[in-house]
């Protein structure tokens, strides 16, 4: 995903641009991410329940993300983000501010990719 260029002294270490200048991911970005996580992230099932359908009067679908690595969909995003780091950033590692499944997903992705991670 491309972002607007920054023309200041901070260079690559600058904070993200203001929210109104961020570019949203497009379909090509989704395809790129799918390619990066293919064979690493689990393909989780979509489940239904006759009981829930009967009680709601609708067909309800549940995405079984508890079957994902680290037990949450957050593994996909963590692995995708860490896999995009350049060599220098990989050596420096990453820090997450989470005590939950985001931290666990980032730690697992870091271990798989050789990126030091701390929570």
Protein backbone atom coordinates (compact mmCIF):
# COMPACT_ATOMS: atom_id res chain seq x y z
CA UNK A 1 0.00 0.00 0.00
CA UNK A 2 1.47 3.33 -0.91
CA UNK A 3 1.30 6.32 1.36
CA UNK A 4 1.84 9.98 0.55
CA UNK A 5 5.53 10.91 0.50
CA UNK A 6 6.91 12.94 3.40
CA UNK A 7 9.31 15.74 2.69
CA UNK A 8 10.78 16.43 6.11
CA UNK A 9 13.92 15.70 8.10
CA UNK A 10 12.40 12.71 9.88
CA UNK A 11 12.33 10.56 6.76
CA UNK A 12 11.23 6.95 7.19
CA UNK A 13 11.05 7.25 10.97
CA UNK A 14 8.34 9.90 10.89
CA UNK A 15 4.89 9.26 12.29
CA UNK A 16 2.18 8.26 9.86
CA UNK A 17 0.65 11.13 7.92
CA UNK A 18 -2.48 12.79 9.23
CA UNK A 19 -5.53 10.47 9.05
CA UNK A 20 -7.14 12.48 6.25
CA UNK A 21 -4.13 11.81 3.99
CA UNK A 22 -3.95 8.03 4.50
CA UNK A 23 -4.77 5.86 1.54
CA UNK A 24 -7.16 3.02 2.17
CA UNK A 25 -6.09 -0.46 1.14
CA UNK A 26 -7.42 -1.59 -2.20
CA UNK A 27 -8.21 -4.98 -3.63
CA UNK A 28 -4.60 -5.41 -4.82
CA UNK A 29 -3.41 -4.83 -1.24
CA UNK A 30 -5.76 -7.57 -0.02
CA UNK A 31 -4.44 -9.95 -2.69
CA UNK A 32 -0.85 -9.11 -1.72
CA UNK A 33 -1.59 -9.79 1.94
CA UNK A 34 -3.34 -13.06 1.06
CA UNK A 35 -0.21 -14.13 -0.80
CA UNK A 36 2.03 -13.29 2.18
CA UNK A 37 -0.06 -15.28 4.68
CA UNK A 38 -0.84 -18.22 2.36
CA UNK A 39 0.43 -21.47 3.81
CA UNK A 40 1.12 -19.81 7.18
CA UNK A 41 -2.30 -18.72 8.44
CA UNK A 42 -4.99 -21.34 8.84
CA UNK A 43 -8.06 -21.25 6.63
CA UNK A 44 -10.71 -21.12 9.32
CA UNK A 45 -14.17 -22.63 8.86
CA UNK A 46 -17.49 -20.87 8.55
CA UNK A 47 -19.97 -22.60 10.82
CA UNK A 48 -23.74 -22.55 11.19
CA UNK A 49 -26.11 -23.61 13.95
CA UNK A 50 -29.63 -24.91 13.40
CA UNK A 51 -30.47 -23.85 16.95
CA UNK A 52 -29.30 -20.26 16.44
CA UNK A 53 -31.02 -20.11 13.04
CA UNK A 54 -34.31 -21.32 14.59
CA UNK A 55 -34.10 -18.86 17.48
CA UNK A 56 -33.25 -15.88 15.27
CA UNK A 57 -35.39 -16.72 12.26
CA UNK A 58 -32.35 -16.14 10.07
CA UNK A 59 -29.36 -18.01 8.75
CA UNK A 60 -26.42 -17.01 10.94
CA UNK A 61 -22.80 -17.71 10.02
CA UNK A 62 -19.98 -17.93 12.54
CA UNK A 63 -16.35 -17.59 11.48
CA UNK A 64 -14.33 -20.08 13.51
CA UNK A 65 -11.40 -17.79 14.30
CA UNK A 66 -10.64 -19.76 17.44
CA UNK A 67 -9.11 -22.28 15.00
CA UNK A 68 -6.62 -19.66 13.75
CA UNK A 69 -3.02 -19.77 14.89
CA UNK A 70 -2.73 -18.00 18.25
CA UNK A 71 -6.52 -18.39 18.53
CA UNK A 72 -7.51 -15.16 16.81
CA UNK A 73 -7.87 -13.45 13.43
CA UNK A 74 -5.18 -11.03 14.58
CA UNK A 75 -2.50 -13.50 13.52
CA UNK A 76 -3.18 -12.65 9.86
CA UNK A 77 -2.56 -8.95 10.37
CA UNK A 78 0.46 -9.46 12.61
CA UNK A 79 2.12 -11.86 10.18
CA UNK A 80 1.33 -9.64 7.20
CA UNK A 81 2.73 -6.54 8.93
CA UNK A 82 5.90 -8.22 10.18
CA UNK A 83 6.57 -9.91 6.86
CA UNK A 84 6.66 -6.46 5.20
CA UNK A 85 9.44 -5.14 7.46
CA UNK A 86 12.79 -4.41 5.85
CA UNK A 87 15.94 -6.15 7.16
CA UNK A 88 16.89 -3.28 9.49
CA UNK A 89 13.43 -3.14 11.06
CA UNK A 90 13.42 -6.92 11.46
CA UNK A 91 16.71 -6.76 13.37
CA UNK A 92 15.36 -4.03 15.66
CA UNK A 93 12.20 -6.01 16.38
CA UNK A 94 8.73 -4.88 17.37
CA UNK A 95 6.87 -3.96 20.55
CA UNK A 96 3.15 -4.47 21.10
CA UNK A 97 1.01 -2.88 23.75
CA UNK A 98 -1.39 -5.72 24.40
CA UNK A 99 -1.79 -8.38 27.03
CA UNK A 100 -4.22 -10.35 24.90
CA UNK A 101 -4.44 -12.16 21.62
CA UNK A 102 -2.87 -9.34 19.60
CA UNK A 103 0.35 -9.72 21.60
CA UNK A 104 0.22 -13.49 21.26
CA UNK A 105 -0.32 -13.24 17.50
CA UNK A 106 2.54 -10.77 17.12
CA UNK A 107 4.84 -12.96 19.22
CA UNK A 108 4.04 -16.00 17.09
CA UNK A 109 4.48 -14.10 13.82
CA UNK A 110 7.77 -12.70 15.12
CA UNK A 111 9.01 -16.16 16.06
CA UNK A 112 8.08 -17.54 12.63
CA UNK A 113 9.78 -14.65 10.82
CA UNK A 114 12.79 -14.26 13.13
CA UNK A 115 11.65 -10.81 14.31
CA UNK A 116 12.24 -10.11 18.02
CA UNK A 117 9.01 -9.05 19.72
CA UNK A 118 8.10 -7.78 23.16
CA UNK A 119 4.76 -7.03 24.75
